[in-house]
Structures are given as C-alpha cells and as structure tokens.
Amino acid sequence: FQPRTTKSMEGVVSKAARAETKAEKEEILKKNGLHGIKHFLWDFRFSDPYAAYSYDTLHLHSDDLGKWGHHLWTLLLQVLEENDGQTFYDILKVRAQYFVARVSKEYGKNFDFFKQHAASHLVQDIRSKGTTNHGSTRPGEGFQQEAAEAYNQTNFKNVASQMNRIDETQEAIARIRMAIDQHDQQCEEGDVDSTPKFSRVTSASWRFGAAGRIVNSNAFGVLKSAGCTVQNFDLMLRNFIAEHFPDDRVSYEQRIQIQPFKCAHLTYQSFEDWRGLEDIVRCNPSFHGSERYDSVLFNSDSPGMSFARISALLHCTLESKRQFDVALVHEFRQNKWKPRTAWAGCQVHEEAKEYSLLLMDYVIRGALLTRAPVVGKGNLHFLVDTVDPDMFLRADQY
C-alpha cells in the first residue's frame, strides 16, 4: 500500500467518474476502498486527513481480540497444554515473519489486509506524532455504549435534551443503588448505630465553619447584620419553625439555642461533568477589613433561578433536640427591566429590603450577582453566569 494523500484520492474519484461502464467504476472505487463521493475533509485548508490519521491501538492493533484472539489463539490452544494470563503476551513478543508465513500457508490465514499493513507504519507514526496514546480511541470507548442505549430510548427527535435527562436519571439511580448497598453492608458488619445522635446536624451538601458563641434566640431580638437591624428576629424564627416543623412548634417560654457561623462549604454536582464541586460562601462584617456577604442559588417553587444574599448562618437547637441550619437572607426577585445593550441570557434581579429565613437544605451553590449601574430602578443586580461552566449551563436553561 502507498500512503494516501488528498490529491491521489481526488484523482481516484475523478478517474472513476470518467469510467465508461458502471462495473469499471465500481472496480476502481472498490480497489481503493472509496465511494464515488467527494470527502468533506478534502476542502479543509492547511490540513491533510491522511497525514493526520494515526495508528489506533484499539481498532488497528486488534491482536488481543481480532486476528490474534479470534484466529491464531484458538489454533495455538490446540497445541499449548498450559497457559495463564501472562502467556498471552509472552507469545506476542516472540512472533516473527517466519511464523506468519507458515500460518498463512498451513492454515489459510491471509495477513495481506489493511489493518495488518497499518502496523508497518507504526514506527513512522511514533517518530512523527509521538507515542500511540496520542492517537488512541480507547479513552471514552465505553461511553459509546451508554450513548447508544440512551439514544435508543428517545423518539429520535431533539435527542440531545432527551439523552441528557436519561443520563441524569441513570446517574441518580446509580447513586441510590450505591447508597443502599453501602447501608446493607454496614448492617451486615454491625456498624449501624440505632441510637439517635443530637450533637450536630450532618449533611452531605453543606457544612458550616468559623463558629461563633452559642446564645439564646432572645438575644437575637435585635440582630445587626450588614449595617441593618432586624427587628423581632425571635418572633420571625418561631413562626418559621411553626411553618416548617409543625411537630416541633415552640412556645414563647421555650428557649431556642442559636450558634452563628461566618462561612459555609456547599457541595454540589456540576452540570458540566457531574463531578462533585465545592463553593465557600461567607457572611462576615469584617473579612480582611471589608464587609463580605455572598449570594447563593437555592431551590424554590418560583419559575427561573432563585438567588439570595446571606446575612447570617445559624445553627438552631430546640428543646425537643431537633437541630437545623438556616440562613438569614435578602432574597432576589426577578425584574423585567433590561439594559439597552441586553446580551443573550441577560438576567436582572432586584434585592429585597426585608429579611427572610431559608433552610440550608434548599441551598445549591454559591452565585455572583453584580450591582447594575442604573439610577432610580431600585437595587438591581445582573447575574454573572460566566464564573464557571456549571453556572453557565444552569442559567442557559432559562
């Protein structure tokens, strides 16, 4: 075989097009392994698809499953009495042209085909392009099977969004299955403690840091945060408990212990590659000499994305031993105002003046909103969705 070039292959297609008979045309194309069409890569400037083609250790070097595993190995087992996993590779190291010629003659195995010939260019490929791992299609090979299975479950229209949902469902099922298997294993090993523990709220999605002094909720009757004063905080908290924890409704005589924190570590799953990531959000009146009150993205029933600016992070303990974490926040509300030079995906949110309480269970990750430079339009902010790929993909849904 001669190395192919764009010019030579164009010549073959042109020659086939000038053939007088259909049989002659098919013979020319078949001899060169081509179809009678122009390859789209031929028009790419400053490129040569044939020079870019490299020896593929997965599909060309198919000694493990192809010409060796399905053909020669079965013949070798007829004369090899004992073998193990290492024998397979030891034999590959000592093959020579003599044995290839002998096998071809005695068993009718023909080695005159493209995949076998490609190995003769292996040294040249390594010298010109580097080691074979740079051109291997083995990485990600298993994903093709998952993609094919997901594709077959769609209606074959607008498949991208359907395949994404299928992948999310499969990932969720896998995580649930892993959690169940781990729990069953702990039960078998006797590691599960049935005694409830009330020392601290534990969560897989957040944890507080920079703890403050534990105080009674009555001491938060007036809470100074971000230069503002929150009136009747104790009443606000008790109403919040009555709404979210009706079984633990507290009377005015019962105490609520509160421990403030100045930062939270939020763990979430990235929309980009489904890896677990972590954001650190802070609410500190003096962080390196300046105020810092970060914003977060949280789940809500409202359409679109919901954001809030954290003013305080509180760990609460009731006399019933229930413990929960809340954030004192200013929620952002979506605003219809748009700048004259609105960009694609522009989101405008207005920060509310009043305070509200937010369970940390609803918080997803940190967020960045920057103040809009407008006058007379309230406390407007732009969502900065370019802080990382995950936020960009989340915002791109709306």
Protein backbone atom coordinates (compact mmCIF):
# COMPACT_ATOMS: atom_id res chain seq x y z
CA PHE A 1 0.00 0.00 0.00
CA GLN A 2 1.16 3.52 -0.76
CA PRO A 3 0.47 6.32 1.72
CA ARG A 4 -2.66 8.12 0.67
CA THR A 5 -2.89 11.84 0.01
CA THR A 6 -5.79 14.15 -0.69
CA LYS A 7 -4.57 14.70 -4.23
CA SER A 8 -4.24 10.99 -5.02
CA MET A 9 -7.69 10.16 -3.65
CA GLU A 10 -9.28 13.01 -5.60
CA GLY A 11 -7.64 11.53 -8.68
CA VAL A 12 -9.19 8.13 -7.99
CA VAL A 13 -12.69 9.60 -7.64
CA SER A 14 -12.21 11.64 -10.82
CA LYS A 15 -10.98 8.57 -12.69
CA ALA A 16 -13.98 6.56 -11.52
CA ALA A 17 -16.33 9.33 -12.63
CA ARG A 18 -14.87 9.11 -16.15
CA ALA A 19 -15.30 5.34 -16.36
CA GLU A 20 -17.37 4.20 -19.32
CA THR A 21 -19.26 1.47 -17.51
CA LYS A 22 -20.73 1.08 -14.06
CA ALA A 23 -18.77 -2.12 -13.49
CA GLU A 24 -15.50 -0.38 -14.33
CA LYS A 25 -16.35 2.49 -11.98
CA GLU A 26 -17.14 0.14 -9.09
CA GLU A 27 -13.93 -1.79 -9.72
CA ILE A 28 -11.82 1.38 -9.47
CA LEU A 29 -13.54 2.52 -6.28
CA LYS A 30 -13.51 -0.93 -4.69
CA LYS A 31 -9.80 -1.34 -5.38
CA ASN A 32 -9.10 1.84 -3.42
CA GLY A 33 -11.77 1.36 -0.77
CA LEU A 34 -13.68 4.51 -1.74
CA HIS A 35 -17.18 5.63 -2.62
CA GLY A 36 -17.91 7.83 -5.57
CA ILE A 37 -18.33 10.99 -3.48
CA LYS A 38 -16.09 13.87 -2.52
CA HIS A 39 -14.78 13.63 1.04
CA PHE A 40 -15.66 16.72 3.09
CA LEU A 41 -12.19 16.84 4.69
CA TRP A 42 -10.50 17.36 1.33
CA ASP A 43 -11.57 21.03 1.33
CA PHE A 44 -10.09 21.82 4.75
CA ARG A 45 -7.26 24.31 4.29
CA PHE A 46 -3.80 23.58 5.67
CA SER A 47 -4.77 20.04 6.60
CA ASP A 48 -4.36 16.51 5.33
CA PRO A 49 -6.71 13.89 6.83
CA TYR A 50 -4.47 11.06 5.68
CA ALA A 51 -1.38 12.56 7.30
CA ALA A 52 -3.39 13.18 10.46
CA TYR A 53 -4.52 9.57 10.59
CA SER A 54 -2.53 7.61 13.17
CA TYR A 55 -2.14 4.02 14.25
CA ASP A 56 -5.03 3.23 16.57
CA THR A 57 -4.18 0.79 19.34
CA LEU A 58 -7.87 -0.03 19.81
CA HIS A 59 -9.07 -0.79 16.28
CA LEU A 60 -5.89 -1.48 14.33
CA HIS A 61 -3.80 -3.24 16.92
CA SER A 62 -6.55 -5.81 17.41
CA ASP A 63 -4.18 -8.65 18.32
CA ASP A 64 -5.93 -9.03 21.66
CA LEU A 65 -9.38 -9.66 20.16
CA GLY A 66 -9.11 -9.64 16.37
CA LYS A 67 -6.59 -11.52 14.28
CA TRP A 68 -4.86 -12.91 17.35
CA GLY A 69 -7.69 -13.62 19.78
CA HIS A 70 -10.25 -14.91 17.26
CA HIS A 71 -7.91 -16.70 14.87
CA LEU A 72 -4.36 -17.53 15.96
CA TRP A 73 -5.05 -18.00 19.64
CA THR A 74 -7.66 -20.70 19.03
CA LEU A 75 -5.17 -22.60 16.88
CA LEU A 76 -2.43 -22.22 19.48
CA LEU A 77 -4.63 -23.65 22.22
CA GLN A 78 -4.74 -26.91 20.28
CA VAL A 79 -1.01 -27.45 20.89
CA LEU A 80 -0.46 -25.45 24.10
CA GLU A 81 -1.11 -27.58 27.17
CA GLU A 82 -1.00 -24.93 29.90
CA ASN A 83 -1.49 -21.19 29.78
CA ASP A 84 -2.25 -18.26 32.02
CA GLY A 85 -2.87 -14.55 31.60
CA GLN A 86 0.81 -13.77 31.03
CA THR A 87 1.23 -16.46 28.37
CA PHE A 88 -0.93 -14.44 26.01
CA TYR A 89 1.51 -11.52 26.00
CA ASP A 90 4.69 -13.59 26.16
CA ILE A 91 3.83 -15.26 22.86
CA LEU A 92 3.11 -11.91 21.22
CA LYS A 93 6.67 -10.79 21.98
CA VAL A 94 8.33 -13.65 20.06
CA ARG A 95 6.26 -13.70 16.86
CA ALA A 96 8.31 -13.46 13.70
CA GLN A 97 7.66 -13.21 9.96
CA TYR A 98 8.54 -16.87 9.60
CA PHE A 99 5.65 -17.97 11.80
CA VAL A 100 3.26 -15.61 10.00
CA ALA A 101 4.21 -17.09 6.64
CA ARG A 102 3.90 -20.61 7.99
CA VAL A 103 0.45 -19.97 9.48
CA SER A 104 -0.70 -18.46 6.18
CA LYS A 105 0.47 -21.50 4.28
CA GLU A 106 -0.74 -24.25 6.60
CA TYR A 107 -3.97 -22.76 7.95
CA GLY A 108 -5.08 -20.40 5.20
CA LYS A 109 -4.76 -17.26 7.31
CA ASN A 110 -4.03 -14.33 4.97
CA PHE A 111 -2.23 -11.33 6.51
CA ASP A 112 -2.48 -9.16 3.41
CA PHE A 113 -5.11 -6.65 4.60
CA PHE A 114 -5.22 -3.02 5.68
CA LYS A 115 -5.23 -3.42 9.45
CA GLN A 116 -2.21 -5.69 9.32
CA HIS A 117 -0.39 -3.40 6.89
CA ALA A 118 -1.03 -0.39 9.15
CA ALA A 119 1.37 -1.87 11.68
CA SER A 120 4.25 -1.38 9.22
CA HIS A 121 3.78 2.41 9.55
CA LEU A 122 3.78 2.29 13.35
CA VAL A 123 7.42 3.36 13.76
CA GLN A 124 6.94 6.24 11.32
CA ASP A 125 3.80 7.38 13.18
CA ILE A 126 5.59 7.35 16.52
CA ARG A 127 8.52 9.34 15.15
CA SER A 128 6.34 11.98 13.51
CA LYS A 129 3.45 12.26 16.02
CA GLY A 130 4.59 10.78 19.31
CA THR A 131 3.52 7.74 21.26
CA THR A 132 0.41 5.77 20.30
CA ASN A 133 -1.65 7.01 23.26
CA HIS A 134 -2.00 10.37 21.46
CA GLY A 135 -3.99 8.75 18.64
CA SER A 136 -5.84 6.06 20.55
CA THR A 137 -9.63 5.93 20.51
CA ARG A 138 -9.68 3.70 23.58
CA PRO A 139 -10.39 6.53 26.11
CA GLY A 140 -14.14 7.03 26.32
CA GLU A 141 -14.90 3.90 24.30
CA GLY A 142 -17.30 2.66 26.96
CA PHE A 143 -19.31 5.90 26.76
CA GLN A 144 -20.40 4.98 23.23
CA GLN A 145 -22.40 2.06 24.60
CA GLU A 146 -24.13 4.28 27.16
CA ALA A 147 -24.87 6.90 24.50
CA ALA A 148 -26.26 4.26 22.14
CA GLU A 149 -28.54 2.86 24.84
CA ALA A 150 -29.79 6.35 25.73
CA TYR A 151 -30.33 7.21 22.07
CA ASN A 152 -32.47 4.11 21.52
CA GLN A 153 -34.76 5.27 24.37
CA THR A 154 -35.57 8.58 22.65
CA ASN A 155 -38.13 9.30 19.97
CA PHE A 156 -35.22 10.25 17.65
CA LYS A 157 -36.26 13.92 17.59
CA ASN A 158 -34.30 16.57 19.51
CA VAL A 159 -32.36 13.74 21.08
CA ALA A 160 -29.78 15.84 22.95
CA SER A 161 -32.13 17.02 25.71
CA GLN A 162 -33.73 13.58 26.00
CA MET A 163 -30.36 11.85 26.29
CA ASN A 164 -29.31 14.33 28.98
CA ARG A 165 -32.40 13.52 31.04
CA ILE A 166 -31.81 9.79 30.61
CA ASP A 167 -28.19 10.20 31.71
CA GLU A 168 -29.25 12.19 34.78
CA THR A 169 -31.78 9.50 35.70
CA GLN A 170 -29.22 6.73 35.32
CA GLU A 171 -26.73 8.66 37.44
CA ALA A 172 -29.33 9.20 40.16
CA ILE A 173 -30.26 5.50 40.11
CA ALA A 174 -26.60 4.53 40.39
CA ARG A 175 -26.09 6.83 43.38
CA ILE A 176 -29.20 5.47 45.11
CA ARG A 177 -28.06 1.92 44.44
CA MET A 178 -24.61 2.64 45.86
CA ALA A 179 -26.12 4.20 48.99
CA ILE A 180 -28.40 1.19 49.53
CA ASP A 181 -25.55 -1.29 49.01
CA GLN A 182 -23.34 0.63 51.42
CA HIS A 183 -26.11 0.70 54.03
CA ASP A 184 -26.72 -3.05 53.65
CA GLN A 185 -23.00 -3.71 54.03
CA GLN A 186 -22.85 -1.63 57.21
CA CYS A 187 -25.84 -3.51 58.61
CA GLU A 188 -24.15 -6.85 57.91
CA GLU A 189 -20.95 -5.67 59.56
CA GLY A 190 -22.83 -4.26 62.55
CA ASP A 191 -21.61 -0.70 62.06
CA VAL A 192 -25.04 0.94 62.19
CA ASP A 193 -25.85 2.66 65.47
CA SER A 194 -29.59 2.75 66.07
CA THR A 195 -29.24 5.33 68.86
CA PRO A 196 -30.14 8.80 67.57
CA LYS A 197 -27.47 11.43 67.97
CA PHE A 198 -28.35 15.08 68.52
CA SER A 199 -24.88 16.56 68.89
CA ARG A 200 -24.75 18.15 65.46
CA VAL A 201 -26.62 18.34 62.16
CA THR A 202 -24.71 16.50 59.45
CA SER A 203 -25.33 16.97 55.78
CA ALA A 204 -23.72 15.79 52.57
CA SER A 205 -24.35 19.11 50.83
CA TRP A 206 -23.15 21.74 53.31
CA ARG A 207 -21.17 22.34 56.47
CA PHE A 208 -20.64 25.49 58.49
CA GLY A 209 -17.32 26.99 59.50
CA ALA A 210 -15.95 29.82 61.67
CA ALA A 211 -18.32 29.20 64.59
CA GLY A 212 -19.43 31.90 66.98
CA ARG A 213 -20.71 31.89 70.56
CA ILE A 214 -23.91 29.96 71.36
CA VAL A 215 -26.65 32.28 72.58
CA ASN A 216 -30.37 32.26 73.30
CA SER A 217 -32.70 33.29 70.49
CA ASN A 218 -33.98 36.12 72.67
CA ALA A 219 -30.54 37.68 72.42
CA PHE A 220 -31.16 37.96 68.70
CA GLY A 221 -34.23 40.12 69.24
CA VAL A 222 -32.18 42.81 67.58
CA LEU A 223 -29.62 41.39 65.17
CA LYS A 224 -27.19 43.72 63.48
CA SER A 225 -26.16 42.46 60.09
CA ALA A 226 -24.72 44.30 57.11
CA GLY A 227 -25.31 47.62 58.83
CA CYS A 228 -29.05 46.96 59.21
CA THR A 229 -31.17 45.99 62.18
CA VAL A 230 -33.55 43.04 62.11
CA GLN A 231 -36.49 43.68 64.38
CA ASN A 232 -38.37 40.85 66.11
CA PHE A 233 -35.97 38.17 64.96
CA ASP A 234 -37.09 35.77 67.70
CA LEU A 235 -40.70 36.02 66.53
CA MET A 236 -39.62 35.55 62.92
CA LEU A 237 -37.72 32.39 63.85
CA ARG A 238 -40.58 30.91 65.88
CA ASN A 239 -43.05 31.49 63.04
CA PHE A 240 -40.55 29.87 60.67
CA ILE A 241 -40.32 26.80 62.92
CA ALA A 242 -44.11 26.55 63.18
CA GLU A 243 -44.37 26.58 59.39
CA HIS A 244 -41.58 24.14 58.55
CA PHE A 245 -41.57 21.92 61.67
CA PRO A 246 -45.19 21.79 62.91
CA ASP A 247 -44.43 18.80 65.15
CA ASP A 248 -41.83 20.88 66.99
CA ARG A 249 -43.86 24.05 67.47
CA VAL A 250 -42.23 26.04 70.27
CA SER A 251 -43.95 28.27 72.78
CA TYR A 252 -42.62 31.66 73.81
CA GLU A 253 -41.40 30.16 77.09
CA GLN A 254 -39.20 27.59 75.37
CA ARG A 255 -35.66 28.55 74.53
CA ILE A 256 -34.02 28.23 71.14
CA GLN A 257 -30.25 27.98 71.13
CA ILE A 258 -28.50 29.62 68.22
CA GLN A 259 -24.90 29.36 67.13
CA PRO A 260 -23.84 31.77 64.35
CA PHE A 261 -21.25 30.91 61.71
CA LYS A 262 -19.37 33.07 59.23
CA CYS A 263 -18.94 30.68 56.30
CA ALA A 264 -20.48 27.62 54.69
CA HIS A 265 -18.95 24.95 52.47
CA LEU A 266 -21.51 23.98 49.82
CA THR A 267 -21.10 20.71 47.92
CA TYR A 268 -22.96 20.27 44.64
CA GLN A 269 -22.83 18.24 41.43
CA SER A 270 -21.51 20.06 38.40
CA PHE A 271 -23.72 20.28 35.32
CA GLU A 272 -20.55 20.22 33.21
CA ASP A 273 -19.07 16.82 34.04
CA TRP A 274 -21.18 15.59 37.01
CA ARG A 275 -18.22 15.82 39.38
CA GLY A 276 -18.68 16.92 42.98
CA LEU A 277 -17.58 20.53 43.50
CA GLU A 278 -17.48 22.85 46.50
CA ASP A 279 -18.19 26.55 46.97
CA ILE A 280 -17.28 28.54 50.08
CA VAL A 281 -19.73 31.35 50.85
CA ARG A 282 -19.16 33.90 53.60
CA CYS A 283 -21.15 36.35 55.68
CA ASN A 284 -18.60 38.37 57.58
CA PRO A 285 -18.81 42.06 58.58
CA SER A 286 -15.01 42.26 58.54
CA PHE A 287 -13.41 39.86 56.08
CA HIS A 288 -9.84 41.10 55.57
CA GLY A 289 -11.01 44.55 56.59
CA SER A 290 -14.13 44.70 54.39
CA GLU A 291 -17.71 43.52 54.54
CA ARG A 292 -18.45 40.32 52.67
CA TYR A 293 -21.92 38.90 52.24
CA ASP A 294 -22.04 36.32 49.45
CA SER A 295 -25.03 35.17 47.43
CA VAL A 296 -26.35 31.67 46.80
CA LEU A 297 -28.55 29.82 44.35
CA PHE A 298 -31.38 27.89 46.00
CA ASN A 299 -34.34 25.71 45.06
CA SER A 300 -37.80 27.27 45.13
CA ASP A 301 -41.23 26.95 43.54
CA SER A 302 -40.74 30.17 41.59
CA PRO A 303 -40.06 29.90 37.86
CA GLY A 304 -36.50 30.60 36.82
CA MET A 305 -33.45 30.77 39.07
CA SER A 306 -33.75 31.89 42.70
CA PHE A 307 -30.96 33.77 44.47
CA ALA A 308 -30.44 35.21 47.94
CA ARG A 309 -27.74 37.21 49.73
CA ILE A 310 -26.67 35.68 53.04
CA SER A 311 -26.64 37.95 56.09
CA ALA A 312 -26.18 35.27 58.77
CA LEU A 313 -25.68 31.50 59.02
CA LEU A 314 -27.35 29.98 62.07
CA HIS A 315 -27.39 26.54 63.64
CA CYS A 316 -30.53 26.17 65.76
CA THR A 317 -31.26 23.67 68.54
CA LEU A 318 -34.73 23.24 70.03
CA GLU A 319 -35.64 21.83 73.43
CA SER A 320 -37.06 18.82 71.57
CA LYS A 321 -33.46 18.12 70.45
CA ARG A 322 -34.27 18.90 66.83
CA GLN A 323 -31.42 20.67 65.09
CA PHE A 324 -31.47 22.51 61.79
CA ASP A 325 -29.44 25.07 59.86
CA VAL A 326 -30.91 28.26 58.42
CA ALA A 327 -29.65 31.33 56.66
CA LEU A 328 -30.90 34.86 57.23
CA VAL A 329 -31.09 36.28 53.73
CA HIS A 330 -32.22 39.04 51.41
CA GLU A 331 -33.94 37.26 48.53
CA PHE A 332 -33.56 38.44 44.95
CA ARG A 333 -36.67 38.79 42.82
CA GLN A 334 -36.67 38.66 39.05
CA ASN A 335 -37.07 42.05 37.40
CA LYS A 336 -38.34 42.68 33.87
CA TRP A 337 -36.08 45.69 33.32
CA LYS A 338 -33.36 45.16 30.71
CA PRO A 339 -30.43 47.38 29.72
CA ARG A 340 -30.37 48.87 26.25
CA THR A 341 -27.46 46.64 25.34
CA ALA A 342 -29.00 43.46 26.73
CA TRP A 343 -26.99 40.35 25.92
CA ALA A 344 -28.20 36.82 25.32
CA GLY A 345 -29.26 35.25 28.60
CA CYS A 346 -29.28 38.57 30.49
CA GLN A 347 -30.93 38.11 33.90
CA VAL A 348 -31.81 41.06 36.14
CA HIS A 349 -32.71 40.52 39.81
CA GLU A 350 -33.78 43.03 42.46
CA GLU A 351 -32.58 42.55 46.03
CA ALA A 352 -35.40 42.72 48.57
CA LYS A 353 -35.10 45.05 51.56
CA GLU A 354 -36.81 42.74 54.05
CA TYR A 355 -35.14 39.72 55.65
CA SER A 356 -36.32 36.13 55.42
CA LEU A 357 -35.15 32.75 56.66
CA LEU A 358 -34.01 29.98 54.32
CA LEU A 359 -33.39 26.35 55.21
CA MET A 360 -29.91 25.28 54.17
CA ASP A 361 -31.46 22.13 52.66
CA TYR A 362 -32.64 24.30 49.75
CA VAL A 363 -29.28 25.94 49.05
CA ILE A 364 -27.49 24.58 45.96
CA ARG A 365 -24.28 26.55 45.43
CA GLY A 366 -22.74 30.00 45.54
CA ALA A 367 -23.63 32.67 42.99
CA LEU A 368 -22.30 36.03 41.85
CA LEU A 369 -24.60 38.98 41.21
CA THR A 370 -23.18 42.40 40.46
CA ARG A 371 -24.98 45.68 41.01
CA ALA A 372 -26.48 47.20 37.87
CA PRO A 373 -25.24 50.78 37.29
CA VAL A 374 -28.71 52.33 36.93
CA VAL A 375 -30.39 55.16 38.82
CA GLY A 376 -33.99 55.12 40.01
CA LYS A 377 -34.56 51.42 39.27
CA GLY A 378 -34.17 50.01 42.77
CA ASN A 379 -31.45 47.68 43.98
CA LEU A 380 -30.95 45.84 40.68
CA HIS A 381 -28.27 43.25 40.03
CA PHE A 382 -27.03 41.35 36.98
CA LEU A 383 -26.40 37.62 37.22
CA VAL A 384 -22.79 36.78 36.30
CA ASP A 385 -23.18 33.36 34.70
CA THR A 386 -19.61 33.16 33.39
CA VAL A 387 -17.96 32.44 36.73
CA ASP A 388 -17.71 28.75 35.80
CA PRO A 389 -19.21 26.27 33.28
CA ASP A 390 -21.68 24.88 35.82
CA MET A 391 -23.36 28.25 36.42
CA PHE A 392 -23.40 28.97 32.69
CA LEU A 393 -25.20 25.68 31.96
CA ARG A 394 -27.70 26.26 34.76
CA ALA A 395 -28.50 29.78 33.55
CA ASP A 396 -28.70 28.63 29.93
CA GLN A 397 -31.84 26.64 30.77
CA TYR A 398 -33.85 29.85 31.33
